[in-house]
Amino acid sequence: MEQSNKLVRLLKVVVESYISKGEPVGSKFLHSLDDVTYAPSTLRKHLNLLEREGLVFQSYNSSGRIPTITGLSKYIEELIESEISSNEDYNLEIQDSRMSLKYMVEQLGSIVDGVTVGFIEHDEYFYLGVNKLLKEEISSDEYAITKKIIKIIEDKQIIWFLSSKILKNNQIYYTFIGEEQQFISCLFTRITINDFPAIISIIWGIRVDYERNCNILKTVLSKLGSQ
Protein backbone atom coordinates (compact mmCIF):
# COMPACT_ATOMS: atom_id res chain seq x y z
CA MET A 1 0.00 0.00 0.00
CA GLU A 2 2.78 2.42 0.93
CA GLN A 3 4.65 1.61 -2.28
CA SER A 4 1.46 2.20 -4.28
CA ASN A 5 0.90 5.57 -2.60
CA LYS A 6 4.46 6.61 -3.39
CA LEU A 7 3.96 5.73 -7.06
CA VAL A 8 0.69 7.69 -7.20
CA ARG A 9 2.40 10.74 -5.67
CA LEU A 10 5.27 10.46 -8.16
CA LEU A 11 2.81 10.07 -11.04
CA LYS A 12 1.09 13.27 -9.86
CA VAL A 13 4.40 15.15 -9.99
CA VAL A 14 5.22 13.77 -13.46
CA VAL A 15 1.78 14.67 -14.87
CA GLU A 16 1.76 18.18 -13.40
CA SER A 17 5.35 18.81 -14.53
CA TYR A 18 4.44 17.68 -18.05
CA ILE A 19 1.35 19.91 -18.07
CA SER A 20 3.48 22.85 -16.91
CA LYS A 21 6.55 22.27 -19.11
CA GLY A 22 4.99 20.71 -22.20
CA GLU A 23 7.93 18.36 -22.66
CA PRO A 24 9.15 14.98 -21.39
CA VAL A 25 9.99 15.00 -17.68
CA GLY A 26 13.47 13.72 -16.81
CA SER A 27 14.71 12.19 -13.56
CA LYS A 28 17.28 14.98 -13.10
CA PHE A 29 14.53 17.60 -13.23
CA LEU A 30 12.33 15.58 -10.85
CA HIS A 31 15.18 15.19 -8.37
CA SER A 32 15.56 19.00 -8.28
CA LEU A 33 11.96 19.47 -7.09
CA ASP A 34 11.15 19.99 -3.42
CA ASP A 35 8.23 17.53 -3.71
CA VAL A 36 10.57 14.68 -4.71
CA THR A 37 12.81 13.49 -1.88
CA TYR A 38 13.93 10.13 -3.27
CA ALA A 39 17.56 9.23 -3.83
CA PRO A 40 18.39 9.22 -7.57
CA SER A 41 18.54 5.41 -7.70
CA THR A 42 15.15 5.10 -5.95
CA LEU A 43 13.64 7.72 -8.24
CA ARG A 44 14.79 5.83 -11.34
CA LYS A 45 13.39 2.61 -9.88
CA HIS A 46 9.98 4.21 -9.25
CA LEU A 47 9.90 5.76 -12.73
CA ASN A 48 10.63 2.33 -14.21
CA LEU A 49 7.73 0.90 -12.18
CA LEU A 50 5.40 3.60 -13.49
CA GLU A 51 6.55 2.77 -17.02
CA ARG A 52 6.08 -0.96 -16.43
CA GLU A 53 2.49 -0.29 -15.31
CA GLY A 54 1.83 1.68 -18.49
CA LEU A 55 1.34 5.02 -16.70
CA VAL A 56 4.26 6.83 -18.39
CA PHE A 57 6.43 6.15 -21.43
CA GLN A 58 9.77 7.15 -22.96
CA SER A 59 10.03 7.85 -26.67
CA TYR A 60 13.66 6.65 -26.49
CA ASN A 61 15.98 5.40 -23.73
CA SER A 62 17.57 8.67 -22.60
CA SER A 63 14.46 10.84 -22.90
CA GLY A 64 12.21 11.95 -20.07
CA ARG A 65 8.81 10.47 -19.33
CA ILE A 66 5.43 11.49 -20.75
CA PRO A 67 2.17 10.41 -19.10
CA THR A 68 0.06 7.94 -21.08
CA ILE A 69 -3.72 8.13 -21.34
CA THR A 70 -3.77 5.38 -18.67
CA GLY A 71 -1.56 7.56 -16.46
CA LEU A 72 -3.74 10.62 -17.01
CA SER A 73 -6.81 8.53 -16.22
CA LYS A 74 -5.24 7.39 -12.95
CA TYR A 75 -4.31 11.00 -12.11
CA ILE A 76 -7.85 12.30 -12.76
CA GLU A 77 -9.42 9.43 -10.78
CA GLU A 78 -7.29 10.40 -7.78
CA LEU A 79 -8.38 14.05 -8.14
CA ILE A 80 -12.04 13.08 -8.33
CA GLU A 81 -11.78 10.91 -5.21
CA SER A 82 -9.78 13.45 -3.20
CA GLU A 83 -11.09 16.32 -1.13
CA ILE A 84 -11.07 19.81 -2.65
CA SER A 85 -7.38 20.66 -2.44
CA SER A 86 -7.63 24.43 -2.66
CA ASN A 87 -9.49 27.04 -0.67
CA GLU A 88 -9.44 29.37 -3.65
CA ASP A 89 -12.74 31.18 -4.13
CA TYR A 90 -13.67 30.53 -7.74
CA ASN A 91 -16.31 33.27 -7.61
CA LEU A 92 -18.98 31.02 -9.09
CA GLU A 93 -21.76 33.15 -7.60
CA ILE A 94 -24.30 30.36 -7.68
CA GLN A 95 -27.28 32.18 -6.19
CA ASP A 96 -30.87 31.53 -5.12
CA SER A 97 -32.17 27.98 -5.70
CA ARG A 98 -30.73 27.12 -9.14
CA MET A 99 -28.74 29.19 -11.59
CA SER A 100 -29.69 29.24 -15.24
CA LEU A 101 -27.57 26.98 -17.41
CA LYS A 102 -26.42 29.84 -19.60
CA TYR A 103 -25.25 31.96 -16.69
CA MET A 104 -23.48 28.98 -15.09
CA VAL A 105 -21.64 28.11 -18.29
CA GLU A 106 -20.60 31.74 -18.83
CA GLN A 107 -19.23 31.89 -15.27
CA LEU A 108 -17.36 28.60 -15.64
CA GLY A 109 -16.06 29.66 -19.06
CA SER A 110 -14.23 32.57 -17.46
CA ILE A 111 -12.41 30.49 -14.83
CA VAL A 112 -11.83 26.93 -16.03
CA ASP A 113 -8.76 25.76 -17.92
CA GLY A 114 -10.42 24.75 -21.16
CA VAL A 115 -13.72 25.31 -22.92
CA THR A 116 -17.05 24.84 -21.14
CA VAL A 117 -20.03 23.32 -22.94
CA GLY A 118 -23.38 22.97 -21.19
CA PHE A 119 -26.69 21.65 -22.46
CA ILE A 120 -30.04 20.47 -21.17
CA GLU A 121 -30.73 16.90 -22.19
CA HIS A 122 -33.09 16.44 -25.14
CA ASP A 123 -32.91 20.16 -25.90
CA GLU A 124 -31.68 21.60 -29.20
CA TYR A 125 -29.70 24.42 -27.56
CA PHE A 126 -26.31 24.39 -25.89
CA TYR A 127 -24.20 27.09 -24.27
CA LEU A 128 -20.50 27.67 -24.65
CA GLY A 129 -17.93 29.28 -22.35
CA VAL A 130 -15.15 30.19 -24.76
CA ASN A 131 -12.31 31.70 -22.74
CA LYS A 132 -9.61 29.61 -24.43
CA LEU A 133 -11.10 29.81 -27.91
CA LEU A 134 -10.89 33.61 -27.72
CA LYS A 135 -7.23 33.83 -26.66
CA GLU A 136 -5.28 36.22 -28.86
CA GLU A 137 -2.15 34.07 -28.92
CA ILE A 138 -2.18 30.29 -28.96
CA SER A 139 0.50 27.77 -29.84
CA SER A 140 0.37 25.62 -32.96
CA ASP A 141 -0.67 22.63 -30.83
CA GLU A 142 -3.48 24.65 -29.23
CA TYR A 143 -4.57 25.87 -32.68
CA ALA A 144 -4.99 22.27 -33.86
CA ILE A 145 -6.93 21.40 -30.70
CA THR A 146 -9.07 24.54 -31.10
CA LYS A 147 -10.05 23.56 -34.65
CA LYS A 148 -10.93 20.07 -33.48
CA ILE A 149 -13.02 21.37 -30.56
CA ILE A 150 -14.88 23.86 -32.78
CA LYS A 151 -15.77 21.02 -35.13
CA ILE A 152 -17.09 18.65 -32.46
CA ILE A 153 -19.12 21.53 -30.96
CA GLU A 154 -20.50 22.80 -34.27
CA ASP A 155 -21.43 19.26 -35.33
CA LYS A 156 -22.86 18.67 -31.82
CA GLN A 157 -20.69 15.54 -31.59
CA ILE A 158 -19.84 16.31 -27.96
CA ILE A 159 -23.55 16.60 -27.11
CA TRP A 160 -24.51 13.31 -28.76
CA PHE A 161 -21.46 11.62 -27.25
CA LEU A 162 -22.22 12.69 -23.67
CA SER A 163 -25.99 12.23 -24.05
CA SER A 164 -25.41 8.58 -24.95
CA LYS A 165 -23.80 7.86 -21.57
CA ILE A 166 -25.72 6.65 -18.53
CA LEU A 167 -24.82 9.14 -15.82
CA LYS A 168 -25.71 9.59 -12.17
CA ASN A 169 -26.49 13.08 -10.95
CA ASN A 170 -23.78 15.09 -9.16
CA GLN A 171 -20.85 12.82 -9.98
CA ILE A 172 -17.77 13.82 -11.95
CA TYR A 173 -16.79 11.71 -14.95
CA TYR A 174 -13.99 11.96 -17.51
CA THR A 175 -13.20 10.62 -20.95
CA PHE A 176 -10.71 11.11 -23.77
CA ILE A 177 -11.91 11.61 -27.34
CA GLY A 178 -9.66 11.00 -30.33
CA GLU A 179 -7.01 8.71 -31.68
CA GLU A 180 -3.31 8.50 -32.61
CA GLN A 181 -2.27 10.68 -29.65
CA GLN A 182 -4.53 13.53 -30.89
CA PHE A 183 -6.79 13.44 -27.85
CA ILE A 184 -9.30 15.85 -26.40
CA SER A 185 -9.89 15.48 -22.66
CA CYS A 186 -13.35 15.94 -21.21
CA LEU A 187 -14.44 16.30 -17.58
CA PHE A 188 -18.22 16.34 -17.17
CA THR A 189 -21.04 16.09 -14.67
CA ARG A 190 -24.83 15.71 -14.77
CA ILE A 191 -26.89 18.13 -12.70
CA THR A 192 -30.53 19.23 -12.40
CA ILE A 193 -31.51 22.80 -13.16
CA ASN A 194 -35.13 23.66 -12.35
CA ASP A 195 -36.14 19.98 -12.71
CA PHE A 196 -34.43 19.61 -16.10
CA PRO A 197 -31.41 17.26 -16.36
CA ALA A 198 -28.35 19.02 -17.77
CA ILE A 199 -24.71 18.19 -18.50
CA ILE A 200 -21.78 20.53 -17.91
CA SER A 201 -18.47 19.61 -19.57
CA ILE A 202 -14.97 21.08 -19.72
CA ILE A 203 -13.02 20.11 -22.82
CA TRP A 204 -9.50 20.81 -24.13
CA GLY A 205 -6.34 18.92 -25.06
CA ILE A 206 -4.53 16.59 -22.65
CA ARG A 207 -2.29 19.42 -21.38
CA VAL A 208 -4.84 21.05 -19.11
CA ASP A 209 -5.10 21.87 -15.40
CA TYR A 210 -7.13 18.83 -14.30
CA GLU A 211 -6.83 19.68 -10.61
CA ARG A 212 -8.30 23.15 -11.07
CA ASN A 213 -11.13 21.87 -13.26
CA CYS A 214 -11.97 19.05 -10.84
CA ASN A 215 -12.04 21.50 -7.94
CA ILE A 216 -14.31 23.86 -9.85
CA LEU A 217 -16.78 21.09 -10.71
CA LYS A 218 -16.71 19.86 -7.09
CA THR A 219 -17.45 23.40 -5.93
CA VAL A 220 -20.39 23.64 -8.34
CA LEU A 221 -21.80 20.34 -7.08
CA SER A 222 -21.32 21.23 -3.41
CA LYS A 223 -23.06 24.60 -3.85
CA LEU A 224 -25.94 23.07 -5.78
CA GLY A 225 -26.28 20.36 -3.14
CA SER A 226 -26.49 22.90 -0.34
CA GLN A 227 -29.43 24.73 -1.87
C-alpha atoms as a PDB file:
ATOM      1  CA  MET A   1       0.000   0.000   0.000  1.00  0.00           C
ATOM      2  CA  GLU A   2       2.783   2.424   0.931  1.00  0.00           C
ATOM      3  CA  GLN A   3       4.654   1.606  -2.275  1.00  0.00           C
ATOM      4  CA  SER A   4       1.458   2.200  -4.278  1.00  0.00           C
ATOM      5  CA  ASN A   5       0.898   5.575  -2.598  1.00  0.00           C
ATOM      6  CA  LYS A   6       4.464   6.605  -3.394  1.00  0.00           C
ATOM      7  CA  LEU A   7       3.959   5.727  -7.064  1.00  0.00           C
ATOM      8  CA  VAL A   8       0.687   7.687  -7.200  1.00  0.00           C
ATOM      9  CA  ARG A   9       2.400  10.736  -5.666  1.00  0.00           C
ATOM     10  CA  LEU A  10       5.265  10.460  -8.159  1.00  0.00           C
ATOM     11  CA  LEU A  11       2.806  10.068 -11.044  1.00  0.00           C
ATOM     12  CA  LYS A  12       1.086  13.268  -9.864  1.00  0.00           C
ATOM     13  CA  VAL A  13       4.396  15.154  -9.987  1.00  0.00           C
ATOM     14  CA  VAL A  14       5.219  13.771 -13.460  1.00  0.00           C
ATOM     15  CA  VAL A  15       1.778  14.666 -14.868  1.00  0.00           C
ATOM     16  CA  GLU A  16       1.757  18.178 -13.397  1.00  0.00           C
ATOM     17  CA  SER A  17       5.346  18.814 -14.525  1.00  0.00           C
ATOM     18  CA  TYR A  18       4.439  17.679 -18.046  1.00  0.00           C
ATOM     19  CA  ILE A  19       1.352  19.914 -18.072  1.00  0.00           C
ATOM     20  CA  SER A  20       3.481  22.852 -16.911  1.00  0.00           C
ATOM     21  CA  LYS A  21       6.550  22.267 -19.113  1.00  0.00           C
ATOM     22  CA  GLY A  22       4.992  20.713 -22.199  1.00  0.00           C
ATOM     23  CA  GLU A  23       7.933  18.360 -22.662  1.00  0.00           C
ATOM     24  CA  PRO A  24       9.151  14.979 -21.387  1.00  0.00           C
ATOM     25  CA  VAL A  25       9.993  14.999 -17.676  1.00  0.00           C
ATOM     26  CA  GLY A  26      13.474  13.722 -16.808  1.00  0.00           C
ATOM     27  CA  SER A  27      14.711  12.191 -13.563  1.00  0.00           C
ATOM     28  CA  LYS A  28      17.283  14.979 -13.103  1.00  0.00           C
ATOM     29  CA  PHE A  29      14.534  17.603 -13.229  1.00  0.00           C
ATOM     30  CA  LEU A  30      12.328  15.582 -10.855  1.00  0.00           C
ATOM     31  CA  HIS A  31      15.182  15.193  -8.374  1.00  0.00           C
ATOM     32  CA  SER A  32      15.562  19.004  -8.282  1.00  0.00           C
ATOM     33  CA  LEU A  33      11.961  19.472  -7.093  1.00  0.00           C
ATOM     34  CA  ASP A  34      11.148  19.989  -3.423  1.00  0.00           C
ATOM     35  CA  ASP A  35       8.228  17.534  -3.712  1.00  0.00           C
ATOM     36  CA  VAL A  36      10.572  14.683  -4.712  1.00  0.00           C
ATOM     37  CA  THR A  37      12.811  13.493  -1.884  1.00  0.00           C
ATOM     38  CA  TYR A  38      13.935  10.125  -3.269  1.00  0.00           C
ATOM     39  CA  ALA A  39      17.564   9.232  -3.829  1.00  0.00           C
ATOM     40  CA  PRO A  40      18.391   9.222  -7.573  1.00  0.00           C
ATOM     41  CA  SER A  41      18.536   5.408  -7.701  1.00  0.00           C
ATOM     42  CA  THR A  42      15.147   5.105  -5.948  1.00  0.00           C
ATOM     43  CA  LEU A  43      13.641   7.719  -8.239  1.00  0.00           C
ATOM     44  CA  ARG A  44      14.791   5.833 -11.335  1.00  0.00           C
ATOM     45  CA  LYS A  45      13.390   2.610  -9.883  1.00  0.00           C
ATOM     46  CA  HIS A  46       9.978   4.209  -9.255  1.00  0.00           C
ATOM     47  CA  LEU A  47       9.903   5.761 -12.728  1.00  0.00           C
ATOM     48  CA  ASN A  48      10.631   2.330 -14.207  1.00  0.00           C
ATOM     49  CA  LEU A  49       7.734   0.904 -12.179  1.00  0.00           C
ATOM     50  CA  LEU A  50       5.397   3.603 -13.493  1.00  0.00           C
ATOM     51  CA  GLU A  51       6.548   2.771 -17.025  1.00  0.00           C
ATOM     52  CA  ARG A  52       6.082  -0.956 -16.426  1.00  0.00           C
ATOM     53  CA  GLU A  53       2.489  -0.293 -15.313  1.00  0.00           C
ATOM     54  CA  GLY A  54       1.826   1.680 -18.488  1.00  0.00           C
ATOM     55  CA  LEU A  55       1.338   5.017 -16.704  1.00  0.00           C
ATOM     56  CA  VAL A  56       4.256   6.832 -18.394  1.00  0.00           C
ATOM     57  CA  PHE A  57       6.432   6.145 -21.426  1.00  0.00           C
ATOM     58  CA  GLN A  58       9.767   7.147 -22.963  1.00  0.00           C
ATOM     59  CA  SER A  59      10.030   7.855 -26.673  1.00  0.00           C
ATOM     60  CA  TYR A  60      13.656   6.649 -26.488  1.00  0.00           C
ATOM     61  CA  ASN A  61      15.979   5.399 -23.726  1.00  0.00           C
ATOM     62  CA  SER A  62      17.566   8.672 -22.603  1.00  0.00           C
ATOM     63  CA  SER A  63      14.456  10.836 -22.903  1.00  0.00           C
ATOM     64  CA  GLY A  64      12.207  11.952 -20.072  1.00  0.00           C
ATOM     65  CA  ARG A  65       8.810  10.470 -19.329  1.00  0.00           C
ATOM     66  CA  ILE A  66       5.435  11.485 -20.749  1.00  0.00           C
ATOM     67  CA  PRO A  67       2.171  10.413 -19.097  1.00  0.00           C
ATOM     68  CA  THR A  68       0.059   7.944 -21.082  1.00  0.00           C
ATOM     69  CA  ILE A  69      -3.716   8.129 -21.344  1.00  0.00           C
ATOM     70  CA  THR A  70      -3.772   5.384 -18.674  1.00  0.00           C
ATOM     71  CA  GLY A  71      -1.560   7.562 -16.463  1.00  0.00           C
ATOM     72  CA  LEU A  72      -3.740  10.624 -17.015  1.00  0.00           C
ATOM     73  CA  SER A  73      -6.809   8.527 -16.218  1.00  0.00           C
ATOM     74  CA  LYS A  74      -5.242   7.394 -12.945  1.00  0.00           C
ATOM     75  CA  TYR A  75      -4.310  10.999 -12.107  1.00  0.00           C
ATOM     76  CA  ILE A  76      -7.848  12.295 -12.764  1.00  0.00           C
ATOM     77  CA  GLU A  77      -9.417   9.426 -10.779  1.00  0.00           C
ATOM     78  CA  GLU A  78      -7.287  10.402  -7.784  1.00  0.00           C
ATOM     79  CA  LEU A  79      -8.379  14.052  -8.141  1.00  0.00           C
ATOM     80  CA  ILE A  80     -12.042  13.081  -8.325  1.00  0.00           C
ATOM     81  CA  GLU A  81     -11.776  10.907  -5.211  1.00  0.00           C
ATOM     82  CA  SER A  82      -9.782  13.445  -3.203  1.00  0.00           C
ATOM     83  CA  GLU A  83     -11.090  16.321  -1.130  1.00  0.00           C
ATOM     84  CA  ILE A  84     -11.066  19.808  -2.645  1.00  0.00           C
ATOM     85  CA  SER A  85      -7.380  20.655  -2.436  1.00  0.00           C
ATOM     86  CA  SER A  86      -7.629  24.426  -2.663  1.00  0.00           C
ATOM     87  CA  ASN A  87      -9.490  27.043  -0.672  1.00  0.00           C
ATOM     88  CA  GLU A  88      -9.439  29.372  -3.648  1.00  0.00           C
ATOM     89  CA  ASP A  89     -12.739  31.180  -4.126  1.00  0.00           C
ATOM     90  CA  TYR A  90     -13.672  30.532  -7.742  1.00  0.00           C
ATOM     91  CA  ASN A  91     -16.310  33.274  -7.611  1.00  0.00           C
ATOM     92  CA  LEU A  92     -18.975  31.018  -9.089  1.00  0.00           C
ATOM     93  CA  GLU A  93     -21.758  33.148  -7.602  1.00  0.00           C
ATOM     94  CA  ILE A  94     -24.296  30.358  -7.678  1.00  0.00           C
ATOM     95  CA  GLN A  95     -27.280  32.181  -6.189  1.00  0.00           C
ATOM     96  CA  ASP A  96     -30.867  31.529  -5.121  1.00  0.00           C
ATOM     97  CA  SER A  97     -32.166  27.978  -5.704  1.00  0.00           C
ATOM     98  CA  ARG A  98     -30.727  27.121  -9.141  1.00  0.00           C
ATOM     99  CA  MET A  99     -28.743  29.189 -11.593  1.00  0.00           C
ATOM    100  CA  SER A 100     -29.694  29.235 -15.235  1.00  0.00           C
ATOM    101  CA  LEU A 101     -27.572  26.978 -17.412  1.00  0.00           C
ATOM    102  CA  LYS A 102     -26.422  29.839 -19.602  1.00  0.00           C
ATOM    103  CA  TYR A 103     -25.250  31.955 -16.691  1.00  0.00           C
ATOM    104  CA  MET A 104     -23.481  28.980 -15.091  1.00  0.00           C
ATOM    105  CA  VAL A 105     -21.636  28.108 -18.294  1.00  0.00           C
ATOM    106  CA  GLU A 106     -20.604  31.740 -18.827  1.00  0.00           C
ATOM    107  CA  GLN A 107     -19.235  31.885 -15.274  1.00  0.00           C
ATOM    108  CA  LEU A 108     -17.360  28.598 -15.641  1.00  0.00           C
ATOM    109  CA  GLY A 109     -16.064  29.660 -19.057  1.00  0.00           C
ATOM    110  CA  SER A 110     -14.234  32.568 -17.455  1.00  0.00           C
ATOM    111  CA  ILE A 111     -12.413  30.487 -14.825  1.00  0.00           C
ATOM    112  CA  VAL A 112     -11.826  26.932 -16.030  1.00  0.00           C
ATOM    113  CA  ASP A 113      -8.756  25.757 -17.923  1.00  0.00           C
ATOM    114  CA  GLY A 114     -10.419  24.748 -21.163  1.00  0.00           C
ATOM    115  CA  VAL A 115     -13.716  25.310 -22.918  1.00  0.00           C
ATOM    116  CA  THR A 116     -17.054  24.843 -21.140  1.00  0.00           C
ATOM    117  CA  VAL A 117     -20.030  23.317 -22.941  1.00  0.00           C
ATOM    118  CA  GLY A 118     -23.380  22.965 -21.194  1.00  0.00           C
ATOM    119  CA  PHE A 119     -26.689  21.654 -22.460  1.00  0.00           C
ATOM    120  CA  ILE A 120     -30.043  20.471 -21.169  1.00  0.00           C
ATOM    121  CA  GLU A 121     -30.733  16.899 -22.189  1.00  0.00           C
ATOM    122  CA  HIS A 122     -33.095  16.437 -25.141  1.00  0.00           C
ATOM    123  CA  ASP A 123     -32.913  20.162 -25.897  1.00  0.00           C
ATOM    124  CA  GLU A 124     -31.684  21.602 -29.200  1.00  0.00           C
ATOM    125  CA  TYR A 125     -29.699  24.421 -27.565  1.00  0.00           C
ATOM    126  CA  PHE A 126     -26.314  24.388 -25.895  1.00  0.00           C
ATOM    127  CA  TYR A 127     -24.202  27.086 -24.270  1.00  0.00           C
ATOM    128  CA  LEU A 128     -20.504  27.672 -24.647  1.00  0.00           C
ATOM    129  CA  GLY A 129     -17.927  29.278 -22.351  1.00  0.00           C
ATOM    130  CA  VAL A 130     -15.152  30.187 -24.756  1.00  0.00           C
ATOM    131  CA  ASN A 131     -12.315  31.703 -22.742  1.00  0.00           C
ATOM    132  CA  LYS A 132      -9.609  29.608 -24.429  1.00  0.00           C
ATOM    133  CA  LEU A 133     -11.104  29.811 -27.908  1.00  0.00           C
ATOM    134  CA  LEU A 134     -10.886  33.614 -27.724  1.00  0.00           C
ATOM    135  CA  LYS A 135      -7.228  33.830 -26.657  1.00  0.00           C
ATOM    136  CA  GLU A 136      -5.277  36.220 -28.860  1.00  0.00           C
ATOM    137  CA  GLU A 137      -2.145  34.067 -28.916  1.00  0.00           C
ATOM    138  CA  ILE A 138      -2.176  30.291 -28.957  1.00  0.00           C
ATOM    139  CA  SER A 139       0.502  27.770 -29.839  1.00  0.00           C
ATOM    140  CA  SER A 140       0.371  25.618 -32.958  1.00  0.00           C
ATOM    141  CA  ASP A 141      -0.673  22.628 -30.830  1.00  0.00           C
ATOM    142  CA  GLU A 142      -3.476  24.655 -29.232  1.00  0.00           C
ATOM    143  CA  TYR A 143      -4.573  25.868 -32.683  1.00  0.00           C
ATOM    144  CA  ALA A 144      -4.994  22.272 -33.858  1.00  0.00           C
ATOM    145  CA  ILE A 145      -6.929  21.398 -30.705  1.00  0.00           C
ATOM    146  CA  THR A 146      -9.071  24.541 -31.097  1.00  0.00           C
ATOM    147  CA  LYS A 147     -10.053  23.560 -34.651  1.00  0.00           C
ATOM    148  CA  LYS A 148     -10.935  20.068 -33.476  1.00  0.00           C
ATOM    149  CA  ILE A 149     -13.017  21.365 -30.564  1.00  0.00           C
ATOM    150  CA  ILE A 150     -14.880  23.861 -32.781  1.00  0.00           C
ATOM    151  CA  LYS A 151     -15.772  21.018 -35.131  1.00  0.00           C
ATOM    152  CA  ILE A 152     -17.090  18.652 -32.459  1.00  0.00           C
ATOM    153  CA  ILE A 153     -19.117  21.528 -30.960  1.00  0.00           C
ATOM    154  CA  GLU A 154     -20.502  22.803 -34.272  1.00  0.00           C
ATOM    155  CA  ASP A 155     -21.428  19.259 -35.332  1.00  0.00           C
ATOM    156  CA  LYS A 156     -22.859  18.674 -31.817  1.00  0.00           C
ATOM    157  CA  GLN A 157     -20.692  15.536 -31.591  1.00  0.00           C
ATOM    158  CA  ILE A 158     -19.838  16.310 -27.963  1.00  0.00           C
ATOM    159  CA  ILE A 159     -23.546  16.599 -27.115  1.00  0.00           C
ATOM    160  CA  TRP A 160     -24.507  13.313 -28.760  1.00  0.00           C
ATOM    161  CA  PHE A 161     -21.461  11.621 -27.246  1.00  0.00           C
ATOM    162  CA  LEU A 162     -22.216  12.689 -23.666  1.00  0.00           C
ATOM    163  CA  SER A 163     -25.990  12.232 -24.047  1.00  0.00           C
ATOM    164  CA  SER A 164     -25.409   8.583 -24.948  1.00  0.00           C
ATOM    165  CA  LYS A 165     -23.804   7.864 -21.570  1.00  0.00           C
ATOM    166  CA  ILE A 166     -25.717   6.646 -18.534  1.00  0.00           C
ATOM    167  CA  LEU A 167     -24.818   9.140 -15.819  1.00  0.00           C
ATOM    168  CA  LYS A 168     -25.710   9.585 -12.172  1.00  0.00           C
ATOM    169  CA  ASN A 169     -26.487  13.081 -10.945  1.00  0.00           C
ATOM    170  CA  ASN A 170     -23.782  15.091  -9.164  1.00  0.00           C
ATOM    171  CA  GLN A 171     -20.850  12.818  -9.979  1.00  0.00           C
ATOM    172  CA  ILE A 172     -17.766  13.821 -11.946  1.00  0.00           C
ATOM    173  CA  TYR A 173     -16.788  11.715 -14.945  1.00  0.00           C
ATOM    174  CA  TYR A 174     -13.993  11.957 -17.505  1.00  0.00           C
ATOM    175  CA  THR A 175     -13.203  10.621 -20.948  1.00  0.00           C
ATOM    176  CA  PHE A 176     -10.711  11.111 -23.773  1.00  0.00           C
ATOM    177  CA  ILE A 177     -11.905  11.611 -27.338  1.00  0.00           C
ATOM    178  CA  GLY A 178      -9.659  11.004 -30.330  1.00  0.00           C
ATOM    179  CA  GLU A 179      -7.006   8.705 -31.678  1.00  0.00           C
ATOM    180  CA  GLU A 180      -3.308   8.505 -32.608  1.00  0.00           C
ATOM    181  CA  GLN A 181      -2.274  10.680 -29.646  1.00  0.00           C
ATOM    182  CA  GLN A 182      -4.533  13.526 -30.887  1.00  0.00           C
ATOM    183  CA  PHE A 183      -6.790  13.441 -27.848  1.00  0.00           C
ATOM    184  CA  ILE A 184      -9.305  15.851 -26.397  1.00  0.00           C
ATOM    185  CA  SER A 185      -9.888  15.478 -22.660  1.00  0.00           C
ATOM    186  CA  CYS A 186     -13.349  15.936 -21.210  1.00  0.00           C
ATOM    187  CA  LEU A 187     -14.440  16.303 -17.575  1.00  0.00           C
ATOM    188  CA  PHE A 188     -18.215  16.343 -17.173  1.00  0.00           C
ATOM    189  CA  THR A 189     -21.042  16.093 -14.666  1.00  0.00           C
ATOM    190  CA  ARG A 190     -24.830  15.709 -14.771  1.00  0.00           C
ATOM    191  CA  ILE A 191     -26.890  18.126 -12.702  1.00  0.00           C
ATOM    192  CA  THR A 192     -30.526  19.226 -12.404  1.00  0.00           C
ATOM    193  CA  ILE A 193     -31.507  22.798 -13.161  1.00  0.00           C
ATOM    194  CA  ASN A 194     -35.127  23.655 -12.354  1.00  0.00           C
ATOM    195  CA  ASP A 195     -36.144  19.985 -12.712  1.00  0.00           C
ATOM    196  CA  PHE A 196     -34.428  19.613 -16.105  1.00  0.00           C
ATOM    197  CA  PRO A 197     -31.410  17.261 -16.357  1.00  0.00           C
ATOM    198  CA  ALA A 198     -28.349  19.024 -17.768  1.00  0.00           C
ATOM    199  CA  ILE A 199     -24.712  18.192 -18.503  1.00  0.00           C
ATOM    200  CA  ILE A 200     -21.782  20.532 -17.914  1.00  0.00           C
ATOM    201  CA  SER A 201     -18.474  19.612 -19.573  1.00  0.00           C
ATOM    202  CA  ILE A 202     -14.966  21.077 -19.718  1.00  0.00           C
ATOM    203  CA  ILE A 203     -13.021  20.111 -22.825  1.00  0.00           C
ATOM    204  CA  TRP A 204      -9.501  20.814 -24.129  1.00  0.00           C
ATOM    205  CA  GLY A 205      -6.335  18.921 -25.055  1.00  0.00           C
ATOM    206  CA  ILE A 206      -4.534  16.587 -22.655  1.00  0.00           C
ATOM    207  CA  ARG A 207      -2.289  19.417 -21.384  1.00  0.00           C
ATOM    208  CA  VAL A 208      -4.839  21.049 -19.108  1.00  0.00           C
ATOM    209  CA  ASP A 209      -5.103  21.865 -15.396  1.00  0.00           C
ATOM    210  CA  TYR A 210      -7.131  18.828 -14.303  1.00  0.00           C
ATOM    211  CA  GLU A 211      -6.832  19.677 -10.609  1.00  0.00           C
ATOM    212  CA  ARG A 212      -8.299  23.151 -11.067  1.00  0.00           C
ATOM    213  CA  ASN A 213     -11.127  21.866 -13.259  1.00  0.00           C
ATOM    214  CA  CYS A 214     -11.975  19.046 -10.840  1.00  0.00           C
ATOM    215  CA  ASN A 215     -12.041  21.504  -7.937  1.00  0.00           C
ATOM    216  CA  ILE A 216     -14.314  23.858  -9.852  1.00  0.00           C
ATOM    217  CA  LEU A 217     -16.782  21.092 -10.706  1.00  0.00           C
ATOM    218  CA  LYS A 218     -16.708  19.859  -7.093  1.00  0.00           C
ATOM    219  CA  THR A 219     -17.449  23.399  -5.926  1.00  0.00           C
ATOM    220  CA  VAL A 220     -20.387  23.644  -8.336  1.00  0.00           C
ATOM    221  CA  LEU A 221     -21.802  20.343  -7.083  1.00  0.00           C
ATOM    222  CA  SER A 222     -21.324  21.235  -3.413  1.00  0.00           C
ATOM    223  CA  LYS A 223     -23.057  24.603  -3.853  1.00  0.00           C
ATOM    224  CA  LEU A 224     -25.936  23.072  -5.781  1.00  0.00           C
ATOM    225  CA  GLY A 225     -26.276  20.359  -3.140  1.00  0.00           C
ATOM    226  CA  SER A 226     -26.495  22.900  -0.337  1.00  0.00           C
ATOM    227  CA  GLN A 227     -29.433  24.733  -1.870  1.00  0.00           C
END
